[in-house]
Amino acid sequence: MTSVVGMVGAQETQQQTDSPMDTNATVAFSDQTTDGTSVTVDSVNMTDGGFVVIHDDSLLEGEVTGSVVGVSEYLEPGEHDNVTVTLFDGVPGATFNETELTDNETLIAMPHRDRNASETYDFVATNGSEDGPYVDNGTAITDSANVTVETQMTTGESFVVTDLSAPEVIERNDTLNVSATIENPNDEADTQTVEYRFDGNVSIREEVSLDAGESTTITTSVNTSAVTADRYIHGVYTREDGQPAQVLIVDEIASFGVTDLTAPESVTVGENVTVNATVTNPNEFANEQPVEFRFDGALVETRTVDLDGESSTTVQFQINTEGTPPGMYIHSVFSNDFGQDAIITVEVPDDGDDGDTGNETSTPEDGTDGDTGNETSTPEDGTDGDTGNETSTPENGADGDTGNETTAPGEDTEEGDSGEEGTDAEPTAPPEDA
């Protein structure tokens, strides 16, 4: 499919059009099917040698250097047939976001001259100033082809094993549970053999049938009561793939210990509580175990702690007391067999309503007592205003007693006791018969 790409790139190559040798180049590029990684140019003939360059169709929109997606190796002067050009790789000065064609596309083949005789394609790296195209009357010589991307069928590949799951440490007499994912990478259904081996020996062998691209999970188990405590290799295997792992079988796995629980003794409602505790692995081997944080008995968080043998770490938990009623609460950090508890008081925020001091003046109203260590009180409406050293003026029949006072008889014949003299002064009524 022969064509000439208008005046694309003419300005970049105008200084190269004076030489009659520029017209002595031809290129033939036929429609073809590709896997997306390369194309084949049928033939290219260059009197002065150079390169055959592949552009994508953005060249038609004026992308001169940005359209370059592939370049051949250096070609000696003369004719070359069936030149293979790798796409999206090996173009000096160019970077690509893809590695292959994924869609059908029109590509353009263009012969370029090695003008600086470096035998390296420098057109892109120099932004078009070196190694420009062969031209005919100021127009680049090109040929275009419709390139069809054909994805090749994948067949006959071995099933793949992924995501092997099994404990790293287990107590003897416990069941070792194992699972793994088996995937068919082929573009057609297939049936293949899958094996599980423990200590090198086949424990399970079965035929697994999967559709194209399908996967499945297989599970198996081992009764460890029949083996001695030791480290073993086990795994899941297909014809050409597999995933091995190690498992340590021990007589006993001791529980992690919990010490040094620290937390505030009290917080205000709405504050965060931060709790720290030291978790220790007493075993000689690495192990992971759950550690819980509970508040008022309720589980707040369970965290998996992974520790090397005979090592420790600090774990930290947090809880927000927003909405927690005021009161005392027990919070705890627990391992499998051990733990520590503490008490925390959740308090109401201080709203600043109380303003009592040791020395103030209070004026009680409506029967309210305003007693302080040293104050003057004026009782009203029968209210007592007693102090350690005061003068009281009784109103409306109210008693105003002091340690040293004189009491005048009132209308209702009130008693006035003198604390100093210890003498009562009482009015005496005259006898009826004088």
Protein backbone atom coordinates (compact mmCIF):
# COMPACT_ATOMS: atom_id res chain seq x y z
CA MET A 1 0.00 0.00 0.00
CA THR A 2 2.08 2.88 -1.31
CA SER A 3 1.45 6.48 -0.33
CA VAL A 4 3.29 9.73 0.23
CA VAL A 5 2.62 11.63 3.45
CA GLY A 6 1.99 15.17 2.18
CA MET A 7 4.28 17.83 3.55
CA VAL A 8 4.56 16.33 7.05
CA GLY A 9 7.96 17.13 8.45
CA ALA A 10 8.93 19.34 5.51
CA GLN A 11 10.16 22.19 7.67
CA GLU A 12 12.42 19.90 9.68
CA THR A 13 14.00 18.45 6.52
CA GLN A 14 13.96 21.44 4.18
CA GLN A 15 17.72 21.96 4.50
CA GLN A 16 18.23 18.40 3.22
CA THR A 17 16.23 18.70 -0.04
CA ASP A 18 18.99 20.25 -2.16
CA SER A 19 20.82 16.97 -2.76
CA PRO A 20 19.55 14.89 -5.71
CA MET A 21 20.45 11.82 -3.67
CA ASP A 22 17.39 12.52 -1.49
CA THR A 23 15.15 11.15 -4.22
CA ASN A 24 16.98 7.82 -4.41
CA ALA A 25 15.04 5.90 -1.78
CA THR A 26 12.01 3.64 -1.94
CA VAL A 27 10.04 1.71 0.66
CA ALA A 28 7.31 -0.96 0.50
CA PHE A 29 5.17 -1.71 3.56
CA SER A 30 2.27 -4.15 3.18
CA ASP A 31 -0.83 -4.73 5.32
CA GLN A 32 -0.06 -7.44 7.85
CA THR A 33 -0.96 -9.25 11.04
CA THR A 34 1.32 -8.93 14.08
CA ASP A 35 1.50 -9.97 17.70
CA GLY A 36 1.92 -6.28 18.54
CA THR A 37 5.65 -6.30 19.27
CA SER A 38 7.11 -5.88 15.76
CA VAL A 39 6.30 -5.30 12.09
CA THR A 40 8.03 -6.30 8.85
CA VAL A 41 8.88 -3.84 6.07
CA ASP A 42 8.76 -5.66 2.70
CA SER A 43 11.67 -3.74 1.20
CA VAL A 44 13.66 -0.53 1.50
CA ASN A 45 16.27 0.82 -0.90
CA MET A 46 18.50 3.70 0.17
CA THR A 47 21.37 4.87 -2.04
CA ASP A 48 23.19 6.40 0.93
CA GLY A 49 22.21 3.91 3.61
CA GLY A 50 20.42 4.72 6.88
CA PHE A 51 17.36 3.43 8.74
CA VAL A 52 13.76 2.55 8.10
CA VAL A 53 11.56 4.19 10.74
CA ILE A 54 8.01 3.25 11.79
CA HIS A 55 5.59 6.04 12.75
CA ASP A 56 2.10 5.72 14.16
CA ASP A 57 -0.77 7.65 12.60
CA SER A 58 -0.19 10.73 14.81
CA LEU A 59 2.34 11.65 12.10
CA LEU A 60 -0.65 12.64 9.97
CA GLU A 61 -1.56 15.20 12.64
CA GLY A 62 1.89 16.79 12.66
CA GLU A 63 3.64 14.73 15.35
CA VAL A 64 7.02 14.35 13.64
CA THR A 65 9.28 12.97 16.38
CA GLY A 66 6.54 11.97 18.83
CA SER A 67 5.04 9.58 16.29
CA VAL A 68 8.18 7.39 16.03
CA VAL A 69 7.40 3.95 17.53
CA GLY A 70 10.22 1.88 16.05
CA VAL A 71 13.48 2.01 14.06
CA SER A 72 15.52 -0.61 12.28
CA GLU A 73 19.19 -1.26 12.83
CA TYR A 74 21.58 0.66 10.57
CA LEU A 75 21.18 -0.46 6.94
CA GLU A 76 24.03 -0.25 4.43
CA PRO A 77 23.38 1.51 1.08
CA GLY A 78 21.32 -0.62 -1.28
CA GLU A 79 18.17 -2.71 -1.15
CA HIS A 80 17.02 -4.66 1.91
CA ASP A 81 14.08 -7.08 2.02
CA ASN A 82 11.87 -8.19 4.91
CA VAL A 83 13.30 -5.77 7.45
CA THR A 84 11.94 -6.50 10.95
CA VAL A 85 11.41 -3.45 13.16
CA THR A 86 10.77 -3.85 16.90
CA LEU A 87 8.06 -1.55 18.25
CA PHE A 88 8.26 0.60 21.40
CA ASP A 89 11.87 -0.29 22.08
CA GLY A 90 15.36 0.78 20.99
CA VAL A 91 14.56 4.27 19.69
CA PRO A 92 17.31 6.64 20.96
CA GLY A 93 15.77 9.68 22.68
CA ALA A 94 12.23 8.21 22.83
CA THR A 95 10.27 6.96 25.85
CA PHE A 96 7.11 4.87 25.66
CA ASN A 97 4.19 4.14 27.95
CA GLU A 98 3.39 0.86 26.22
CA THR A 99 5.32 -2.20 25.15
CA GLU A 100 3.21 -3.44 22.25
CA LEU A 101 0.31 -2.61 20.00
CA THR A 102 -2.99 -3.60 21.53
CA ASP A 103 -5.37 -2.39 18.79
CA ASN A 104 -5.43 -2.49 15.00
CA GLU A 105 -3.71 0.60 13.63
CA THR A 106 -2.29 2.27 10.51
CA LEU A 107 1.50 2.51 10.68
CA ILE A 108 3.84 4.39 8.36
CA ALA A 109 7.31 3.29 7.19
CA MET A 110 9.82 6.05 6.32
CA PRO A 111 13.48 5.74 5.19
CA HIS A 112 15.92 8.05 7.04
CA ARG A 113 19.45 8.94 5.98
CA ASP A 114 22.40 8.57 8.39
CA ARG A 115 23.59 12.09 7.65
CA ASN A 116 26.11 12.33 10.53
CA ALA A 117 27.56 8.89 9.65
CA SER A 118 27.24 7.70 13.26
CA GLU A 119 25.22 4.59 12.33
CA THR A 120 22.92 5.59 15.20
CA TYR A 121 19.45 7.00 14.62
CA ASP A 122 19.63 10.52 16.11
CA PHE A 123 16.46 12.07 14.67
CA VAL A 124 14.34 11.88 17.82
CA ALA A 125 17.18 12.66 20.24
CA THR A 126 18.06 15.85 18.30
CA ASN A 127 14.43 16.87 17.80
CA GLY A 128 14.72 16.35 14.05
CA SER A 129 17.97 18.19 13.36
CA GLU A 130 19.95 15.01 12.51
CA ASP A 131 19.25 11.93 10.37
CA GLY A 132 16.17 13.30 8.64
CA PRO A 133 14.07 11.35 6.11
CA TYR A 134 14.75 10.85 2.44
CA VAL A 135 12.52 13.30 0.55
CA ASP A 136 11.16 13.79 -2.95
CA ASN A 137 10.46 17.42 -3.84
CA GLY A 138 10.38 18.37 -0.17
CA THR A 139 8.06 15.52 0.82
CA ALA A 140 9.16 12.57 2.95
CA ILE A 141 9.13 9.22 1.14
CA THR A 142 6.76 6.85 2.96
CA ASP A 143 4.50 3.85 2.66
CA SER A 144 1.68 2.93 5.07
CA ALA A 145 0.10 -0.36 6.10
CA ASN A 146 -2.94 -1.49 8.03
CA VAL A 147 -1.57 -3.54 10.92
CA THR A 148 -3.89 -6.05 12.58
CA VAL A 149 -3.03 -7.18 16.10
CA GLU A 150 -3.70 -10.84 16.62
CA THR A 151 -3.38 -12.24 20.11
CA GLN A 152 -1.86 -15.67 19.96
CA MET A 153 -3.65 -18.48 21.72
CA THR A 154 -1.96 -19.80 24.82
CA THR A 155 -2.21 -23.56 24.98
CA GLY A 156 -0.44 -26.40 26.70
CA GLU A 157 0.95 -24.30 29.58
CA SER A 158 1.23 -25.83 33.03
CA PHE A 159 -1.31 -24.88 35.68
CA VAL A 160 0.03 -22.25 38.09
CA VAL A 161 0.11 -22.45 41.91
CA THR A 162 -0.38 -19.27 43.98
CA ASP A 163 -1.44 -18.15 47.47
CA LEU A 164 -0.26 -21.17 49.45
CA SER A 165 -1.64 -20.78 52.97
CA ALA A 166 -0.48 -22.81 55.99
CA PRO A 167 0.73 -22.11 59.54
CA GLU A 168 4.46 -21.72 60.07
CA VAL A 169 4.32 -23.29 63.53
CA ILE A 170 1.91 -25.89 64.82
CA GLU A 171 1.66 -28.07 67.91
CA ARG A 172 2.15 -31.78 67.43
CA ASN A 173 -1.17 -33.67 67.35
CA ASP A 174 -2.92 -30.64 65.82
CA THR A 175 -4.14 -30.79 62.21
CA LEU A 176 -2.03 -28.95 59.63
CA ASN A 177 -4.50 -27.28 57.24
CA VAL A 178 -3.19 -26.23 53.83
CA SER A 179 -4.81 -24.37 50.91
CA ALA A 180 -3.58 -23.05 47.57
CA THR A 181 -4.96 -21.50 44.39
CA ILE A 182 -4.62 -23.40 41.09
CA GLU A 183 -5.00 -21.36 37.88
CA ASN A 184 -5.28 -22.38 34.23
CA PRO A 185 -3.29 -19.80 32.19
CA ASN A 186 -4.34 -21.30 28.84
CA ASP A 187 -6.91 -19.98 26.38
CA GLU A 188 -8.69 -23.31 26.41
CA ALA A 189 -9.99 -25.72 29.04
CA ASP A 190 -7.55 -28.28 30.39
CA THR A 191 -7.19 -31.00 33.00
CA GLN A 192 -3.93 -31.45 34.86
CA THR A 193 -2.54 -33.27 37.90
CA VAL A 194 -2.05 -31.40 41.18
CA GLU A 195 -0.07 -32.84 44.10
CA TYR A 196 0.45 -32.00 47.75
CA ARG A 197 3.71 -33.27 49.22
CA PHE A 198 4.74 -33.38 52.88
CA ASP A 199 8.40 -34.00 53.68
CA GLY A 200 8.89 -34.91 50.01
CA ASN A 201 6.19 -37.58 49.92
CA VAL A 202 2.91 -37.29 47.99
CA SER A 203 0.05 -36.94 50.43
CA ILE A 204 -2.67 -36.10 47.89
CA ARG A 205 -2.72 -36.35 44.08
CA GLU A 206 -5.80 -35.35 42.10
CA GLU A 207 -6.88 -34.34 38.60
CA VAL A 208 -8.10 -30.73 38.38
CA SER A 209 -10.19 -29.54 35.41
CA LEU A 210 -10.37 -25.81 34.69
CA ASP A 211 -11.84 -23.69 31.93
CA ALA A 212 -9.66 -21.13 30.12
CA GLY A 213 -8.37 -18.58 32.64
CA GLU A 214 -10.30 -20.22 35.48
CA SER A 215 -8.88 -20.83 38.97
CA THR A 216 -9.88 -22.91 41.97
CA THR A 217 -8.79 -23.39 45.57
CA ILE A 218 -7.66 -26.79 46.76
CA THR A 219 -7.45 -27.73 50.43
CA THR A 220 -5.82 -30.59 52.28
CA SER A 221 -4.68 -31.47 55.79
CA VAL A 222 -2.03 -33.47 57.63
CA ASN A 223 -2.47 -35.34 60.91
CA THR A 224 0.69 -34.35 62.78
CA SER A 225 0.30 -36.96 65.52
CA ALA A 226 2.11 -39.40 63.25
CA VAL A 227 5.26 -37.25 62.93
CA THR A 228 7.92 -36.18 65.38
CA ALA A 229 8.49 -32.61 66.46
CA ASP A 230 10.77 -31.05 63.83
CA ARG A 231 10.88 -28.66 60.88
CA TYR A 232 9.38 -29.96 57.61
CA ILE A 233 9.04 -28.79 54.00
CA HIS A 234 5.70 -29.22 52.29
CA GLY A 235 3.99 -27.72 49.24
CA VAL A 236 1.54 -27.84 46.34
CA TYR A 237 2.86 -28.70 42.87
CA THR A 238 1.58 -28.89 39.29
CA ARG A 239 3.35 -30.22 36.21
CA GLU A 240 5.82 -27.33 35.98
CA ASP A 241 4.93 -24.99 38.82
CA GLY A 242 4.61 -25.13 42.60
CA GLN A 243 4.82 -23.36 45.95
CA PRO A 244 6.82 -24.92 48.80
CA ALA A 245 6.77 -23.78 52.44
CA GLN A 246 8.20 -24.75 55.82
CA VAL A 247 6.31 -25.76 58.94
CA LEU A 248 7.74 -26.22 62.43
CA ILE A 249 5.99 -28.88 64.46
CA VAL A 250 6.59 -28.48 68.22
CA ASP A 251 5.38 -30.20 71.34
CA GLU A 252 3.91 -26.99 72.78
CA ILE A 253 3.37 -23.37 71.80
CA ALA A 254 3.41 -21.22 74.93
CA SER A 255 1.08 -18.25 75.08
CA PHE A 256 2.47 -14.76 74.73
CA GLY A 257 2.80 -12.89 78.03
CA VAL A 258 1.35 -9.45 78.85
CA THR A 259 3.08 -7.05 81.27
CA ASP A 260 3.54 -3.34 82.01
CA LEU A 261 -0.01 -2.24 81.25
CA THR A 262 -0.06 1.58 81.40
CA ALA A 263 -3.02 3.94 80.99
CA PRO A 264 -4.36 7.12 82.64
CA GLU A 265 -6.29 6.64 85.88
CA SER A 266 -8.98 9.09 84.79
CA VAL A 267 -10.20 10.86 81.68
CA THR A 268 -12.95 13.29 80.84
CA VAL A 269 -15.89 12.11 78.74
CA GLY A 270 -14.98 12.51 75.07
CA GLU A 271 -11.21 12.10 75.49
CA ASN A 272 -9.17 9.33 73.86
CA VAL A 273 -7.75 6.65 76.15
CA THR A 274 -4.32 5.37 75.10
CA VAL A 275 -3.28 2.01 76.57
CA ASN A 276 0.20 0.47 76.24
CA ALA A 277 1.30 -3.02 77.19
CA THR A 278 4.38 -5.18 76.67
CA VAL A 279 3.78 -8.45 74.83
CA THR A 280 6.48 -11.14 75.09
CA ASN A 281 7.03 -14.34 73.12
CA PRO A 282 8.53 -16.90 75.54
CA ASN A 283 9.04 -19.53 72.83
CA GLU A 284 12.41 -20.20 71.22
CA PHE A 285 10.84 -19.84 67.76
CA ALA A 286 9.02 -17.05 65.96
CA ASN A 287 5.26 -17.08 66.32
CA GLU A 288 2.21 -14.90 65.81
CA GLN A 289 -0.69 -14.80 68.23
CA PRO A 290 -3.77 -12.61 68.78
CA VAL A 291 -3.79 -9.90 71.45
CA GLU A 292 -7.10 -8.37 72.57
CA PHE A 293 -8.06 -5.02 74.07
CA ARG A 294 -11.32 -4.95 76.03
CA PHE A 295 -13.13 -2.04 77.66
CA ASP A 296 -15.75 -2.78 80.31
CA GLY A 297 -15.61 -6.38 79.09
CA ALA A 298 -16.49 -5.55 75.47
CA LEU A 299 -13.96 -6.43 72.76
CA VAL A 300 -12.60 -3.25 71.18
CA GLU A 301 -9.83 -4.64 68.95
CA THR A 302 -7.95 -7.87 68.23
CA ARG A 303 -4.46 -7.46 66.84
CA THR A 304 -2.18 -10.19 65.45
CA VAL A 305 1.29 -9.80 66.97
CA ASP A 306 4.22 -11.47 65.21
CA LEU A 307 7.34 -11.91 67.33
CA ASP A 308 10.69 -13.60 66.94
CA GLY A 309 11.62 -16.20 69.52
CA GLU A 310 12.18 -14.84 73.05
CA SER A 311 11.48 -11.25 72.01
CA SER A 312 8.96 -8.61 73.05
CA THR A 313 7.23 -5.53 71.74
CA THR A 314 4.95 -2.73 72.94
CA VAL A 315 1.39 -2.76 71.66
CA GLN A 316 -0.83 0.30 71.85
CA PHE A 317 -4.61 0.52 71.80
CA GLN A 318 -6.94 3.52 71.82
CA ILE A 319 -10.60 4.07 72.59
CA ASN A 320 -12.68 7.23 72.43
CA THR A 321 -14.91 7.80 75.46
CA GLU A 322 -17.40 9.94 73.56
CA GLY A 323 -20.83 8.90 74.80
CA THR A 324 -19.44 6.80 77.66
CA PRO A 325 -21.42 7.45 80.88
CA PRO A 326 -19.31 8.76 83.77
CA GLY A 327 -18.08 6.08 86.14
CA MET A 328 -15.35 3.55 86.84
CA TYR A 329 -14.47 1.00 84.17
CA ILE A 330 -12.17 -2.00 83.87
CA HIS A 331 -10.08 -2.29 80.71
CA SER A 332 -7.85 -5.22 79.77
CA VAL A 333 -5.14 -6.47 77.42
CA PHE A 334 -5.32 -10.24 76.88
CA SER A 335 -3.17 -12.81 75.09
CA ASN A 336 -4.25 -16.44 74.66
CA ASP A 337 -3.59 -17.36 78.29
CA PHE A 338 -2.43 -14.19 80.05
CA GLY A 339 -3.43 -10.58 80.50
CA GLN A 340 -3.55 -7.48 82.66
CA ASP A 341 -6.44 -5.31 83.86
CA ALA A 342 -6.68 -1.73 85.09
CA ILE A 343 -9.35 0.66 86.31
CA ILE A 344 -10.08 4.02 84.72
CA THR A 345 -12.52 6.69 85.85
CA VAL A 346 -14.50 8.56 83.21
CA GLU A 347 -15.44 11.97 84.61
CA VAL A 348 -17.87 14.74 83.67
CA PRO A 349 -16.13 17.81 82.25
CA ASP A 350 -15.74 20.73 84.74
CA ASP A 351 -18.20 23.40 83.50
CA GLY A 352 -16.88 26.07 85.90
CA ASP A 353 -20.28 26.73 87.67
CA ASP A 354 -18.90 26.51 91.24
CA GLY A 355 -17.18 29.68 92.46
CA ASP A 356 -16.75 29.23 96.23
CA THR A 357 -13.73 30.71 98.03
CA GLY A 358 -12.63 30.83 101.61
CA ASN A 359 -13.14 34.61 101.98
CA GLU A 360 -16.17 36.17 100.35
CA THR A 361 -19.16 38.36 101.06
CA SER A 362 -22.51 36.73 100.48
CA THR A 363 -25.87 38.33 100.48
CA PRO A 364 -28.43 35.58 100.89
CA GLU A 365 -31.77 36.13 99.29
CA ASP A 366 -34.98 34.22 99.64
CA GLY A 367 -33.74 32.10 102.52
CA THR A 368 -30.40 31.05 100.96
CA ASP A 369 -27.44 30.56 103.30
CA GLY A 370 -24.20 32.22 102.22
CA ASP A 371 -21.81 31.13 104.96
CA THR A 372 -18.06 31.75 104.79
CA GLY A 373 -15.25 31.78 107.30
CA ASN A 374 -15.39 35.59 107.70
CA GLU A 375 -18.35 37.48 106.36
CA THR A 376 -21.07 39.97 107.19
CA SER A 377 -24.60 38.78 106.63
CA THR A 378 -27.76 40.75 106.63
CA PRO A 379 -30.65 38.37 107.17
CA GLU A 380 -33.90 39.17 105.47
CA ASP A 381 -37.30 37.62 105.88
CA GLY A 382 -36.33 35.48 108.86
CA THR A 383 -33.10 34.13 107.39
CA ASP A 384 -30.23 33.33 109.74
CA GLY A 385 -26.89 34.91 108.91
CA ASP A 386 -24.57 33.51 111.55
CA THR A 387 -20.82 34.20 111.60
CA GLY A 388 -18.09 33.76 114.16
CA ASN A 389 -18.03 37.49 114.94
CA GLU A 390 -21.03 39.48 113.81
CA THR A 391 -23.73 41.93 114.83
CA SER A 392 -27.26 40.84 114.10
CA THR A 393 -30.27 43.04 113.91
CA PRO A 394 -33.36 40.93 114.25
CA GLU A 395 -36.27 41.74 112.01
CA ASN A 396 -39.77 40.38 112.19
CA GLY A 397 -39.10 38.30 115.26
CA ALA A 398 -35.80 36.78 114.13
CA ASP A 399 -33.22 35.94 116.77
CA GLY A 400 -29.91 37.75 116.57
CA ASP A 401 -27.77 36.14 119.24
CA THR A 402 -24.14 37.04 119.92
CA GLY A 403 -21.73 36.21 122.66
CA ASN A 404 -22.06 39.71 124.24
CA GLU A 405 -25.34 41.53 123.62
CA THR A 406 -28.27 43.25 125.34
CA THR A 407 -31.75 42.09 124.52
CA ALA A 408 -34.64 44.47 124.70
CA PRO A 409 -38.05 42.96 125.28
CA GLY A 410 -40.15 43.13 122.19
CA GLU A 411 -43.83 43.05 121.58
CA ASP A 412 -43.94 39.26 121.77
CA THR A 413 -41.92 39.11 125.03
CA GLU A 414 -38.79 37.52 123.48
CA GLU A 415 -36.05 36.30 125.78
CA GLY A 416 -32.66 38.00 125.55
CA ASP A 417 -29.90 35.85 127.02
CA SER A 418 -26.55 37.38 127.87
CA GLY A 419 -23.72 35.02 127.35
CA GLU A 420 -21.34 37.23 129.37
CA GLU A 421 -23.41 37.85 132.55
CA GLY A 422 -25.40 34.62 132.54
CA THR A 423 -28.43 36.67 133.78
CA ASP A 424 -31.90 36.63 132.28
CA ALA A 425 -33.77 39.88 132.17
CA GLU A 426 -37.52 39.08 132.12
CA PRO A 427 -40.43 41.53 132.40
CA THR A 428 -42.65 41.03 135.52
CA ALA A 429 -46.33 41.82 135.40
CA PRO A 430 -47.76 43.80 138.41
CA PRO A 431 -50.24 41.97 140.69
CA GLU A 432 -53.90 42.52 139.89
CA ASP A 433 -54.72 43.68 143.48
CA ALA A 434 -52.38 46.53 144.51
